[in-house]
Amino acid sequence: VGESVGESVGESVGESVGESVGESVGESVGESGFSVEKTSNGTNIRRQKVLSLVRDNPSVSASEIGLILNVSARTIERDFDWLKERGYLMREGADFGGKWIILKEFEPK
């Protein structure tokens, strides 16, 4: 009898804990600061800042930009990839000692 009571109590506690955790996580996800600020043309503002920093210093690294913008170097590397894929930016030379070249600017719609 003790085992079955323990099992049923454990199941109901587990269900209610799972539900409340799921609800609170769902509520806080939108408030966590992970939203991406965009301009009127849908461009990520951080990517515009990346281009601006590259314009000021074509030899700037992802690590340096990450420190300035308070994001990881990997995030900036993904931004570089996004900008290269869409023809905004290209790399000339080696990873070390090379430089970034801006091919086009973001245009407002």
PDB file of N, CA and C in Angstrom:
ATOM      1  N   VAL A   1       0.845  -1.184   0.000  1.00  0.00           N
ATOM      2  CA  VAL A   1       0.000   0.000   0.000  1.00  0.00           C
ATOM      3  C   VAL A   1       0.885   1.240   0.000  1.00  0.00           C
ATOM      4  N   GLY A   2       1.941   1.234   0.838  1.00  0.00           N
ATOM      5  CA  GLY A   2       2.838   2.379   0.937  1.00  0.00           C
ATOM      6  C   GLY A   2       3.506   2.709  -0.390  1.00  0.00           C
ATOM      7  N   GLU A   3       3.867   1.644  -1.129  1.00  0.00           N
ATOM      8  CA  GLU A   3       4.528   1.864  -2.414  1.00  0.00           C
ATOM      9  C   GLU A   3       3.590   2.510  -3.409  1.00  0.00           C
ATOM     10  N   SER A   4       2.339   2.027  -3.494  1.00  0.00           N
ATOM     11  CA  SER A   4       1.409   2.583  -4.485  1.00  0.00           C
ATOM     12  C   SER A   4       1.039   4.020  -4.138  1.00  0.00           C
ATOM     13  N   VAL A   5       0.928   4.348  -2.858  1.00  0.00           N
ATOM     14  CA  VAL A   5       0.642   5.729  -2.457  1.00  0.00           C
ATOM     15  C   VAL A   5       1.827   6.613  -2.845  1.00  0.00           C
ATOM     16  N   GLY A   6       3.034   6.140  -2.578  1.00  0.00           N
ATOM     17  CA  GLY A   6       4.231   6.900  -2.937  1.00  0.00           C
ATOM     18  C   GLY A   6       4.338   7.127  -4.428  1.00  0.00           C
ATOM     19  N   GLU A   7       3.998   6.091  -5.212  1.00  0.00           N
ATOM     20  CA  GLU A   7       4.060   6.225  -6.660  1.00  0.00           C
ATOM     21  C   GLU A   7       3.065   7.245  -7.162  1.00  0.00           C
ATOM     22  N   SER A   8       1.809   7.175  -6.679  1.00  0.00           N
ATOM     23  CA  SER A   8       0.791   8.097  -7.175  1.00  0.00           C
ATOM     24  C   SER A   8       1.092   9.535  -6.738  1.00  0.00           C
ATOM     25  N   VAL A   9       1.594   9.712  -5.536  1.00  0.00           N
ATOM     26  CA  VAL A   9       1.974  11.063  -5.084  1.00  0.00           C
ATOM     27  C   VAL A   9       3.127  11.572  -5.943  1.00  0.00           C
ATOM     28  N   GLY A  10       4.082  10.707  -6.188  1.00  0.00           N
ATOM     29  CA  GLY A  10       5.235  11.092  -7.007  1.00  0.00           C
ATOM     30  C   GLY A  10       4.819  11.488  -8.415  1.00  0.00           C
ATOM     31  N   GLU A  11       3.876  10.716  -8.995  1.00  0.00           N
ATOM     32  CA  GLU A  11       3.403  11.031 -10.341  1.00  0.00           C
ATOM     33  C   GLU A  11       2.707  12.378 -10.379  1.00  0.00           C
ATOM     34  N   SER A  12       1.797  12.617  -9.428  1.00  0.00           N
ATOM     35  CA  SER A  12       1.048  13.871  -9.453  1.00  0.00           C
ATOM     36  C   SER A  12       1.958  15.065  -9.170  1.00  0.00           C
ATOM     37  N   VAL A  13       2.929  14.899  -8.284  1.00  0.00           N
ATOM     38  CA  VAL A  13       3.879  15.987  -8.014  1.00  0.00           C
ATOM     39  C   VAL A  13       4.712  16.246  -9.261  1.00  0.00           C
ATOM     40  N   GLY A  14       5.156  15.182  -9.881  1.00  0.00           N
ATOM     41  CA  GLY A  14       5.965  15.326 -11.099  1.00  0.00           C
ATOM     42  C   GLY A  14       5.206  16.033 -12.207  1.00  0.00           C
ATOM     43  N   GLU A  15       3.933  15.687 -12.384  1.00  0.00           N
ATOM     44  CA  GLU A  15       3.124  16.330 -13.417  1.00  0.00           C
ATOM     45  C   GLU A  15       2.957  17.818 -13.138  1.00  0.00           C
ATOM     46  N   SER A  16       2.601  18.164 -11.894  1.00  0.00           N
ATOM     47  CA  SER A  16       2.360  19.569 -11.587  1.00  0.00           C
ATOM     48  C   SER A  16       3.645  20.390 -11.644  1.00  0.00           C
ATOM     49  N   VAL A  17       4.761  19.812 -11.234  1.00  0.00           N
ATOM     50  CA  VAL A  17       6.035  20.528 -11.321  1.00  0.00           C
ATOM     51  C   VAL A  17       6.375  20.764 -12.788  1.00  0.00           C
ATOM     52  N   GLY A  18       6.219  19.747 -13.605  1.00  0.00           N
ATOM     53  CA  GLY A  18       6.506  19.889 -15.036  1.00  0.00           C
ATOM     54  C   GLY A  18       5.640  20.956 -15.685  1.00  0.00           C
ATOM     55  N   GLU A  19       4.354  20.991 -15.323  1.00  0.00           N
ATOM     56  CA  GLU A  19       3.466  21.999 -15.890  1.00  0.00           C
ATOM     57  C   GLU A  19       3.880  23.402 -15.475  1.00  0.00           C
ATOM     58  N   SER A  20       4.148  23.595 -14.185  1.00  0.00           N
ATOM     59  CA  SER A  20       4.491  24.945 -13.731  1.00  0.00           C
ATOM     60  C   SER A  20       5.832  25.397 -14.287  1.00  0.00           C
ATOM     61  N   VAL A  21       6.793  24.511 -14.404  1.00  0.00           N
ATOM     62  CA  VAL A  21       8.082  24.873 -14.990  1.00  0.00           C
ATOM     63  C   VAL A  21       7.881  25.246 -16.454  1.00  0.00           C
ATOM     64  N   GLY A  22       7.116  24.452 -17.166  1.00  0.00           N
ATOM     65  CA  GLY A  22       6.855  24.742 -18.571  1.00  0.00           C
ATOM     66  C   GLY A  22       6.177  26.082 -18.766  1.00  0.00           C
ATOM     67  N   GLU A  23       5.202  26.390 -17.910  1.00  0.00           N
ATOM     68  CA  GLU A  23       4.513  27.674 -18.012  1.00  0.00           C
ATOM     69  C   GLU A  23       5.461  28.831 -17.743  1.00  0.00           C
ATOM     70  N   SER A  24       6.255  28.732 -16.682  1.00  0.00           N
ATOM     71  CA  SER A  24       7.134  29.855 -16.338  1.00  0.00           C
ATOM     72  C   SER A  24       8.230  30.035 -17.384  1.00  0.00           C
ATOM     73  N   VAL A  25       8.735  28.949 -17.946  1.00  0.00           N
ATOM     74  CA  VAL A  25       9.734  29.068 -18.998  1.00  0.00           C
ATOM     75  C   VAL A  25       9.108  29.727 -20.221  1.00  0.00           C
ATOM     76  N   GLY A  26       7.934  29.309 -20.595  1.00  0.00           N
ATOM     77  CA  GLY A  26       7.264  29.898 -21.746  1.00  0.00           C
ATOM     78  C   GLY A  26       7.003  31.375 -21.573  1.00  0.00           C
ATOM     79  N   GLU A  27       6.635  31.784 -20.363  1.00  0.00           N
ATOM     80  CA  GLU A  27       6.367  33.194 -20.107  1.00  0.00           C
ATOM     81  C   GLU A  27       7.635  34.023 -20.167  1.00  0.00           C
ATOM     82  N   SER A  28       8.732  33.494 -19.647  1.00  0.00           N
ATOM     83  CA  SER A  28       9.951  34.291 -19.552  1.00  0.00           C
ATOM     84  C   SER A  28      10.774  34.309 -20.831  1.00  0.00           C
ATOM     85  N   VAL A  29      10.532  33.400 -21.751  1.00  0.00           N
ATOM     86  CA  VAL A  29      11.342  33.359 -22.966  1.00  0.00           C
ATOM     87  C   VAL A  29      11.242  34.673 -23.719  1.00  0.00           C
ATOM     88  N   GLY A  30      10.074  35.219 -23.859  1.00  0.00           N
ATOM     89  CA  GLY A  30       9.923  36.470 -24.573  1.00  0.00           C
ATOM     90  C   GLY A  30      10.519  37.654 -23.848  1.00  0.00           C
ATOM     91  N   GLU A  31      10.732  37.544 -22.559  1.00  0.00           N
ATOM     92  CA  GLU A  31      11.256  38.647 -21.765  1.00  0.00           C
ATOM     93  C   GLU A  31      12.755  38.528 -21.528  1.00  0.00           C
ATOM     94  N   SER A  32      13.399  37.541 -22.076  1.00  0.00           N
ATOM     95  CA  SER A  32      14.776  37.235 -21.713  1.00  0.00           C
ATOM     96  C   SER A  32      15.806  38.104 -22.407  1.00  0.00           C
ATOM     97  N   GLY A  33      15.404  38.987 -23.302  1.00  0.00           N
ATOM     98  CA  GLY A  33      16.372  39.811 -23.995  1.00  0.00           C
ATOM     99  C   GLY A  33      16.922  39.149 -25.239  1.00  0.00           C
ATOM    100  N   PHE A  34      16.345  38.046 -25.668  1.00  0.00           N
ATOM    101  CA  PHE A  34      16.828  37.366 -26.855  1.00  0.00           C
ATOM    102  C   PHE A  34      16.144  37.863 -28.116  1.00  0.00           C
ATOM    103  N   SER A  35      15.304  38.875 -27.999  1.00  0.00           N
ATOM    104  CA  SER A  35      14.666  39.395 -29.194  1.00  0.00           C
ATOM    105  C   SER A  35      15.718  40.127 -30.021  1.00  0.00           C
ATOM    106  N   VAL A  36      15.518  40.167 -31.310  1.00  0.00           N
ATOM    107  CA  VAL A  36      16.460  40.797 -32.215  1.00  0.00           C
ATOM    108  C   VAL A  36      15.863  42.117 -32.668  1.00  0.00           C
ATOM    109  N   GLU A  37      16.553  43.192 -32.334  1.00  0.00           N
ATOM    110  CA  GLU A  37      16.080  44.521 -32.709  1.00  0.00           C
ATOM    111  C   GLU A  37      16.295  44.703 -34.199  1.00  0.00           C
ATOM    112  N   LYS A  38      15.253  45.144 -34.895  1.00  0.00           N
ATOM    113  CA  LYS A  38      15.330  45.297 -36.346  1.00  0.00           C
ATOM    114  C   LYS A  38      14.942  46.705 -36.758  1.00  0.00           C
ATOM    115  N   THR A  39      15.436  47.105 -37.910  1.00  0.00           N
ATOM    116  CA  THR A  39      15.089  48.405 -38.472  1.00  0.00           C
ATOM    117  C   THR A  39      13.799  48.271 -39.262  1.00  0.00           C
ATOM    118  N   SER A  40      13.362  49.375 -39.843  1.00  0.00           N
ATOM    119  CA  SER A  40      12.114  49.363 -40.611  1.00  0.00           C
ATOM    120  C   SER A  40      12.188  48.448 -41.830  1.00  0.00           C
ATOM    121  N   ASN A  41      13.396  48.216 -42.366  1.00  0.00           N
ATOM    122  CA  ASN A  41      13.505  47.313 -43.521  1.00  0.00           C
ATOM    123  C   ASN A  41      13.785  45.876 -43.107  1.00  0.00           C
ATOM    124  N   GLY A  42      13.707  45.581 -41.793  1.00  0.00           N
ATOM    125  CA  GLY A  42      13.857  44.216 -41.309  1.00  0.00           C
ATOM    126  C   GLY A  42      15.287  43.794 -41.059  1.00  0.00           C
ATOM    127  N   THR A  43      16.237  44.713 -41.218  1.00  0.00           N
ATOM    128  CA  THR A  43      17.642  44.388 -41.019  1.00  0.00           C
ATOM    129  C   THR A  43      17.978  44.367 -39.538  1.00  0.00           C
ATOM    130  N   ASN A  44      18.754  43.404 -39.147  1.00  0.00           N
ATOM    131  CA  ASN A  44      19.215  43.307 -37.766  1.00  0.00           C
ATOM    132  C   ASN A  44      20.130  44.495 -37.468  1.00  0.00           C
ATOM    133  N   ILE A  45      19.811  45.270 -36.432  1.00  0.00           N
ATOM    134  CA  ILE A  45      20.585  46.457 -36.083  1.00  0.00           C
ATOM    135  C   ILE A  45      22.016  46.100 -35.708  1.00  0.00           C
ATOM    136  N   ARG A  46      22.224  44.962 -35.058  1.00  0.00           N
ATOM    137  CA  ARG A  46      23.583  44.559 -34.712  1.00  0.00           C
ATOM    138  C   ARG A  46      24.424  44.407 -35.973  1.00  0.00           C
ATOM    139  N   ARG A  47      23.854  43.874 -37.026  1.00  0.00           N
ATOM    140  CA  ARG A  47      24.606  43.703 -38.273  1.00  0.00           C
ATOM    141  C   ARG A  47      24.970  45.056 -38.874  1.00  0.00           C
ATOM    142  N   GLN A  48      24.100  46.037 -38.715  1.00  0.00           N
ATOM    143  CA  GLN A  48      24.442  47.380 -39.170  1.00  0.00           C
ATOM    144  C   GLN A  48      25.612  47.936 -38.356  1.00  0.00           C
ATOM    145  N   LYS A  49      25.607  47.660 -37.060  1.00  0.00           N
ATOM    146  CA  LYS A  49      26.706  48.102 -36.209  1.00  0.00           C
ATOM    147  C   LYS A  49      28.003  47.401 -36.603  1.00  0.00           C
ATOM    148  N   VAL A  50      27.905  46.114 -36.955  1.00  0.00           N
ATOM    149  CA  VAL A  50      29.081  45.371 -37.401  1.00  0.00           C
ATOM    150  C   VAL A  50      29.663  46.048 -38.637  1.00  0.00           C
ATOM    151  N   LEU A  51      28.816  46.376 -39.611  1.00  0.00           N
ATOM    152  CA  LEU A  51      29.304  47.041 -40.819  1.00  0.00           C
ATOM    153  C   LEU A  51      29.944  48.386 -40.493  1.00  0.00           C
ATOM    154  N   SER A  52      29.357  49.113 -39.575  1.00  0.00           N
ATOM    155  CA  SER A  52      29.905  50.407 -39.171  1.00  0.00           C
ATOM    156  C   SER A  52      31.290  50.245 -38.546  1.00  0.00           C
ATOM    157  N   LEU A  53      31.451  49.245 -37.699  1.00  0.00           N
ATOM    158  CA  LEU A  53      32.749  48.990 -37.073  1.00  0.00           C
ATOM    159  C   LEU A  53      33.785  48.534 -38.098  1.00  0.00           C
ATOM    160  N   VAL A  54      33.355  47.753 -39.079  1.00  0.00           N
ATOM    161  CA  VAL A  54      34.254  47.318 -40.147  1.00  0.00           C
ATOM    162  C   VAL A  54      34.662  48.533 -40.995  1.00  0.00           C
ATOM    163  N   ARG A  55      33.719  49.429 -41.236  1.00  0.00           N
ATOM    164  CA  ARG A  55      34.021  50.643 -41.996  1.00  0.00           C
ATOM    165  C   ARG A  55      35.100  51.466 -41.276  1.00  0.00           C
ATOM    166  N   ASP A  56      34.985  51.566 -39.956  1.00  0.00           N
ATOM    167  CA  ASP A  56      35.945  52.324 -39.159  1.00  0.00           C
ATOM    168  C   ASP A  56      37.307  51.640 -39.055  1.00  0.00           C
ATOM    169  N   ASN A  57      37.310  50.307 -39.094  1.00  0.00           N
ATOM    170  CA  ASN A  57      38.551  49.544 -38.949  1.00  0.00           C
ATOM    171  C   ASN A  57      38.427  48.238 -39.737  1.00  0.00           C
ATOM    172  N   PRO A  58      38.842  48.233 -41.010  1.00  0.00           N
ATOM    173  CA  PRO A  58      38.700  47.030 -41.846  1.00  0.00           C
ATOM    174  C   PRO A  58      39.444  45.803 -41.331  1.00  0.00           C
ATOM    175  N   SER A  59      40.370  45.978 -40.400  1.00  0.00           N
ATOM    176  CA  SER A  59      41.122  44.842 -39.853  1.00  0.00           C
ATOM    177  C   SER A  59      40.528  44.324 -38.553  1.00  0.00           C
ATOM    178  N   VAL A  60      39.386  44.840 -38.145  1.00  0.00           N
ATOM    179  CA  VAL A  60      38.778  44.457 -36.867  1.00  0.00           C
ATOM    180  C   VAL A  60      38.415  42.970 -36.867  1.00  0.00           C
ATOM    181  N   SER A  61      38.534  42.346 -35.714  1.00  0.00           N
ATOM    182  CA  SER A  61      38.230  40.914 -35.594  1.00  0.00           C
ATOM    183  C   SER A  61      36.849  40.690 -34.992  1.00  0.00           C
ATOM    184  N   ALA A  62      36.357  39.481 -35.141  1.00  0.00           N
ATOM    185  CA  ALA A  62      35.070  39.105 -34.540  1.00  0.00           C
ATOM    186  C   ALA A  62      35.133  39.247 -33.025  1.00  0.00           C
ATOM    187  N   SER A  63      36.273  38.900 -32.437  1.00  0.00           N
ATOM    188  CA  SER A  63      36.425  39.024 -30.978  1.00  0.00           C
ATOM    189  C   SER A  63      36.334  40.475 -30.536  1.00  0.00           C
ATOM    190  N   GLU A  64      36.979  41.360 -31.275  1.00  0.00           N
ATOM    191  CA  GLU A  64      36.953  42.781 -30.923  1.00  0.00           C
ATOM    192  C   GLU A  64      35.538  43.355 -31.043  1.00  0.00           C
ATOM    193  N   ILE A  65      34.854  43.005 -32.132  1.00  0.00           N
ATOM    194  CA  ILE A  65      33.481  43.491 -32.314  1.00  0.00           C
ATOM    195  C   ILE A  65      32.580  42.911 -31.233  1.00  0.00           C
ATOM    196  N   GLY A  66      32.780  41.635 -30.913  1.00  0.00           N
ATOM    197  CA  GLY A  66      31.986  41.008 -29.865  1.00  0.00           C
ATOM    198  C   GLY A  66      32.130  41.729 -28.533  1.00  0.00           C
ATOM    199  N   LEU A  67      33.346  42.128 -28.202  1.00  0.00           N
ATOM    200  CA  LEU A  67      33.565  42.865 -26.955  1.00  0.00           C
ATOM    201  C   LEU A  67      32.853  44.217 -26.993  1.00  0.00           C
ATOM    202  N   ILE A  68      32.927  44.906 -28.115  1.00  0.00           N
ATOM    203  CA  ILE A  68      32.300  46.213 -28.244  1.00  0.00           C
ATOM    204  C   ILE A  68      30.781  46.108 -28.147  1.00  0.00           C
ATOM    205  N   LEU A  69      30.214  45.089 -28.800  1.00  0.00           N
ATOM    206  CA  LEU A  69      28.748  44.942 -28.846  1.00  0.00           C
ATOM    207  C   LEU A  69      28.203  44.053 -27.735  1.00  0.00           C
ATOM    208  N   ASN A  70      29.091  43.536 -26.910  1.00  0.00           N
ATOM    209  CA  ASN A  70      28.690  42.708 -25.770  1.00  0.00           C
ATOM    210  C   ASN A  70      27.967  41.422 -26.195  1.00  0.00           C
ATOM    211  N   VAL A  71      28.516  40.776 -27.224  1.00  0.00           N
ATOM    212  CA  VAL A  71      28.042  39.460 -27.666  1.00  0.00           C
ATOM    213  C   VAL A  71      29.269  38.583 -27.897  1.00  0.00           C
ATOM    214  N   SER A  72      29.053  37.314 -28.121  1.00  0.00           N
ATOM    215  CA  SER A  72      30.182  36.404 -28.321  1.00  0.00           C
ATOM    216  C   SER A  72      30.808  36.598 -29.699  1.00  0.00           C
ATOM    217  N   ALA A  73      32.070  36.223 -29.799  1.00  0.00           N
ATOM    218  CA  ALA A  73      32.759  36.259 -31.093  1.00  0.00           C
ATOM    219  C   ALA A  73      32.039  35.351 -32.086  1.00  0.00           C
ATOM    220  N   ARG A  74      31.505  34.244 -31.608  1.00  0.00           N
ATOM    221  CA  ARG A  74      30.781  33.317 -32.502  1.00  0.00           C
ATOM    222  C   ARG A  74      29.540  33.989 -33.093  1.00  0.00           C
ATOM    223  N   THR A  75      28.848  34.812 -32.314  1.00  0.00           N
ATOM    224  CA  THR A  75      27.694  35.539 -32.836  1.00  0.00           C
ATOM    225  C   THR A  75      28.131  36.466 -33.961  1.00  0.00           C
ATOM    226  N   ILE A  76      29.244  37.150 -33.774  1.00  0.00           N
ATOM    227  CA  ILE A  76      29.750  38.053 -34.804  1.00  0.00           C
ATOM    228  C   ILE A  76      30.202  37.257 -36.029  1.00  0.00           C
ATOM    229  N   GLU A  77      30.798  36.098 -35.825  1.00  0.00           N
ATOM    230  CA  GLU A  77      31.175  35.252 -36.956  1.00  0.00           C
ATOM    231  C   GLU A  77      29.946  34.856 -37.772  1.00  0.00           C
ATOM    232  N   ARG A  78      28.822  34.567 -37.091  1.00  0.00           N
ATOM    233  CA  ARG A  78      27.580  34.261 -37.807  1.00  0.00           C
ATOM    234  C   ARG A  78      27.078  35.489 -38.554  1.00  0.00           C
ATOM    235  N   ASP A  79      27.226  36.670 -37.939  1.00  0.00           N
ATOM    236  CA  ASP A  79      26.851  37.901 -38.629  1.00  0.00           C
ATOM    237  C   ASP A  79      27.724  38.108 -39.865  1.00  0.00           C
ATOM    238  N   PHE A  80      29.035  37.872 -39.735  1.00  0.00           N
ATOM    239  CA  PHE A  80      29.926  37.968 -40.892  1.00  0.00           C
ATOM    240  C   PHE A  80      29.460  37.023 -42.001  1.00  0.00           C
ATOM    241  N   ASP A  81      29.129  35.783 -41.642  1.00  0.00           N
ATOM    242  CA  ASP A  81      28.646  34.809 -42.633  1.00  0.00           C
ATOM    243  C   ASP A  81      27.386  35.322 -43.319  1.00  0.00           C
ATOM    244  N   TRP A  82      26.446  35.840 -42.528  1.00  0.00           N
ATOM    245  CA  TRP A  82      25.185  36.370 -43.063  1.00  0.00           C
ATOM    246  C   TRP A  82      25.473  37.521 -44.025  1.00  0.00           C
ATOM    247  N   LEU A  83      26.349  38.427 -43.619  1.00  0.00           N
ATOM    248  CA  LEU A  83      26.688  39.592 -44.448  1.00  0.00           C
ATOM    249  C   LEU A  83      27.410  39.166 -45.725  1.00  0.00           C
ATOM    250  N   LYS A  84      28.282  38.177 -45.639  1.00  0.00           N
ATOM    251  CA  LYS A  84      28.992  37.692 -46.836  1.00  0.00           C
ATOM    252  C   LYS A  84      28.027  37.005 -47.796  1.00  0.00           C
ATOM    253  N   GLU A  85      27.140  36.151 -47.265  1.00  0.00           N
ATOM    254  CA  GLU A  85      26.193  35.412 -48.108  1.00  0.00           C
ATOM    255  C   GLU A  85      25.272  36.343 -48.892  1.00  0.00           C
ATOM    256  N   ARG A  86      24.994  37.526 -48.344  1.00  0.00           N
ATOM    257  CA  ARG A  86      24.073  38.468 -48.980  1.00  0.00           C
ATOM    258  C   ARG A  86      24.787  39.590 -49.744  1.00  0.00           C
ATOM    259  N   GLY A  87      26.106  39.455 -49.857  1.00  0.00           N
ATOM    260  CA  GLY A  87      26.867  40.384 -50.678  1.00  0.00           C
ATOM    261  C   GLY A  87      27.161  41.739 -50.060  1.00  0.00           C
ATOM    262  N   TYR A  88      27.095  41.835 -48.740  1.00  0.00           N
ATOM    263  CA  TYR A  88      27.409  43.095 -48.073  1.00  0.00           C
ATOM    264  C   TYR A  88      28.894  43.217 -47.737  1.00  0.00           C
ATOM    265  N   LEU A  89      29.556  42.093 -47.567  1.00  0.00           N
ATOM    266  CA  LEU A  89      30.894  42.089 -47.005  1.00  0.00           C
ATOM    267  C   LEU A  89      31.705  40.960 -47.609  1.00  0.00           C
ATOM    268  N   MET A  90      32.998  41.168 -47.749  1.00  0.00           N
ATOM    269  CA  MET A  90      33.893  40.084 -48.159  1.00  0.00           C
ATOM    270  C   MET A  90      35.212  40.234 -47.413  1.00  0.00           C
ATOM    271  N   ARG A  91      35.924  39.155 -47.349  1.00  0.00           N
ATOM    272  CA  ARG A  91      37.219  39.141 -46.671  1.00  0.00           C
ATOM    273  C   ARG A  91      38.305  39.113 -47.732  1.00  0.00           C
ATOM    274  N   GLU A  92      39.308  39.974 -47.581  1.00  0.00           N
ATOM    275  CA  GLU A  92      40.460  39.976 -48.465  1.00  0.00           C
ATOM    276  C   GLU A  92      41.685  39.596 -47.643  1.00  0.00           C
ATOM    277  N   GLY A  93      42.396  38.587 -48.067  1.00  0.00           N
ATOM    278  CA  GLY A  93      43.581  38.146 -47.342  1.00  0.00           C
ATOM    279  C   GLY A  93      43.248  37.088 -46.305  1.00  0.00           C
ATOM    280  N   ALA A  94      44.246  36.805 -45.495  1.00  0.00           N
ATOM    281  CA  ALA A  94      44.138  35.743 -44.494  1.00  0.00           C
ATOM    282  C   ALA A  94      43.269  36.178 -43.319  1.00  0.00           C
ATOM    283  N   ASP A  95      42.882  35.189 -42.517  1.00  0.00           N
ATOM    284  CA  ASP A  95      42.119  35.496 -41.301  1.00  0.00           C
ATOM    285  C   ASP A  95      42.917  36.442 -40.402  1.00  0.00           C
ATOM    286  N   PHE A  96      44.211  36.204 -40.320  1.00  0.00           N
ATOM    287  CA  PHE A  96      45.088  37.080 -39.547  1.00  0.00           C
ATOM    288  C   PHE A  96      45.883  37.918 -40.536  1.00  0.00           C
ATOM    289  N   GLY A  97      45.718  39.213 -40.446  1.00  0.00           N
ATOM    290  CA  GLY A  97      46.442  40.103 -41.345  1.00  0.00           C
ATOM    291  C   GLY A  97      45.628  40.555 -42.543  1.00  0.00           C
ATOM    292  N   GLY A  98      44.477  39.955 -42.763  1.00  0.00           N
ATOM    293  CA  GLY A  98      43.621  40.369 -43.867  1.00  0.00           C
ATOM    294  C   GLY A  98      42.746  41.538 -43.461  1.00  0.00           C
ATOM    295  N   LYS A  99      41.792  41.871 -44.326  1.00  0.00           N
ATOM    296  CA  LYS A  99      40.880  42.963 -43.994  1.00  0.00           C
ATOM    297  C   LYS A  99      39.509  42.702 -44.610  1.00  0.00           C
ATOM    298  N   TRP A 100      38.518  43.365 -44.039  1.00  0.00           N
ATOM    299  CA  TRP A 100      37.150  43.289 -44.523  1.00  0.00           C
ATOM    300  C   TRP A 100      36.917  44.385 -45.548  1.00  0.00           C
ATOM    301  N   ILE A 101      36.124  44.070 -46.558  1.00  0.00           N
ATOM    302  CA  ILE A 101      35.746  45.050 -47.570  1.00  0.00           C
ATOM    303  C   ILE A 101      34.221  45.099 -47.617  1.00  0.00           C
ATOM    304  N   ILE A 102      33.682  46.289 -47.463  1.00  0.00           N
ATOM    305  CA  ILE A 102      32.224  46.473 -47.553  1.00  0.00           C
ATOM    306  C   ILE A 102      31.867  46.614 -49.022  1.00  0.00           C
ATOM    307  N   LEU A 103      30.996  45.751 -49.482  1.00  0.00           N
ATOM    308  CA  LEU A 103      30.589  45.747 -50.884  1.00  0.00           C
ATOM    309  C   LEU A 103      29.359  46.616 -51.128  1.00  0.00           C
ATOM    310  N   LYS A 104      28.467  46.669 -50.143  1.00  0.00           N
ATOM    311  CA  LYS A 104      27.294  47.521 -50.248  1.00  0.00           C
ATOM    312  C   LYS A 104      26.777  47.808 -48.859  1.00  0.00           C
ATOM    313  N   GLU A 105      26.007  48.849 -48.743  1.00  0.00           N
ATOM    314  CA  GLU A 105      25.405  49.257 -47.477  1.00  0.00           C
ATOM    315  C   GLU A 105      23.966  48.775 -47.420  1.00  0.00           C
ATOM    316  N   PHE A 106      23.421  48.721 -46.230  1.00  0.00           N
ATOM    317  CA  PHE A 106      22.005  48.430 -46.064  1.00  0.00           C
ATOM    318  C   PHE A 106      21.226  49.618 -46.600  1.00  0.00           C
ATOM    319  N   GLU A 107      20.235  49.344 -47.411  1.00  0.00           N
ATOM    320  CA  GLU A 107      19.405  50.429 -47.951  1.00  0.00           C
ATOM    321  C   GLU A 107      18.042  50.398 -47.303  1.00  0.00           C
ATOM    322  N   PRO A 108      17.561  51.559 -46.834  1.00  0.00           N
ATOM    323  CA  PRO A 108      16.216  51.598 -46.252  1.00  0.00           C
ATOM    324  C   PRO A 108      15.167  51.342 -47.322  1.00  0.00           C
ATOM    325  N   LYS A 109      14.070  50.723 -46.911  1.00  0.00           N
ATOM    326  CA  LYS A 109      12.982  50.440 -47.856  1.00  0.00           C
ATOM    327  C   LYS A 109      12.001  51.580 -47.868  1.00  0.00           C
TER     328      LYS A 109
END
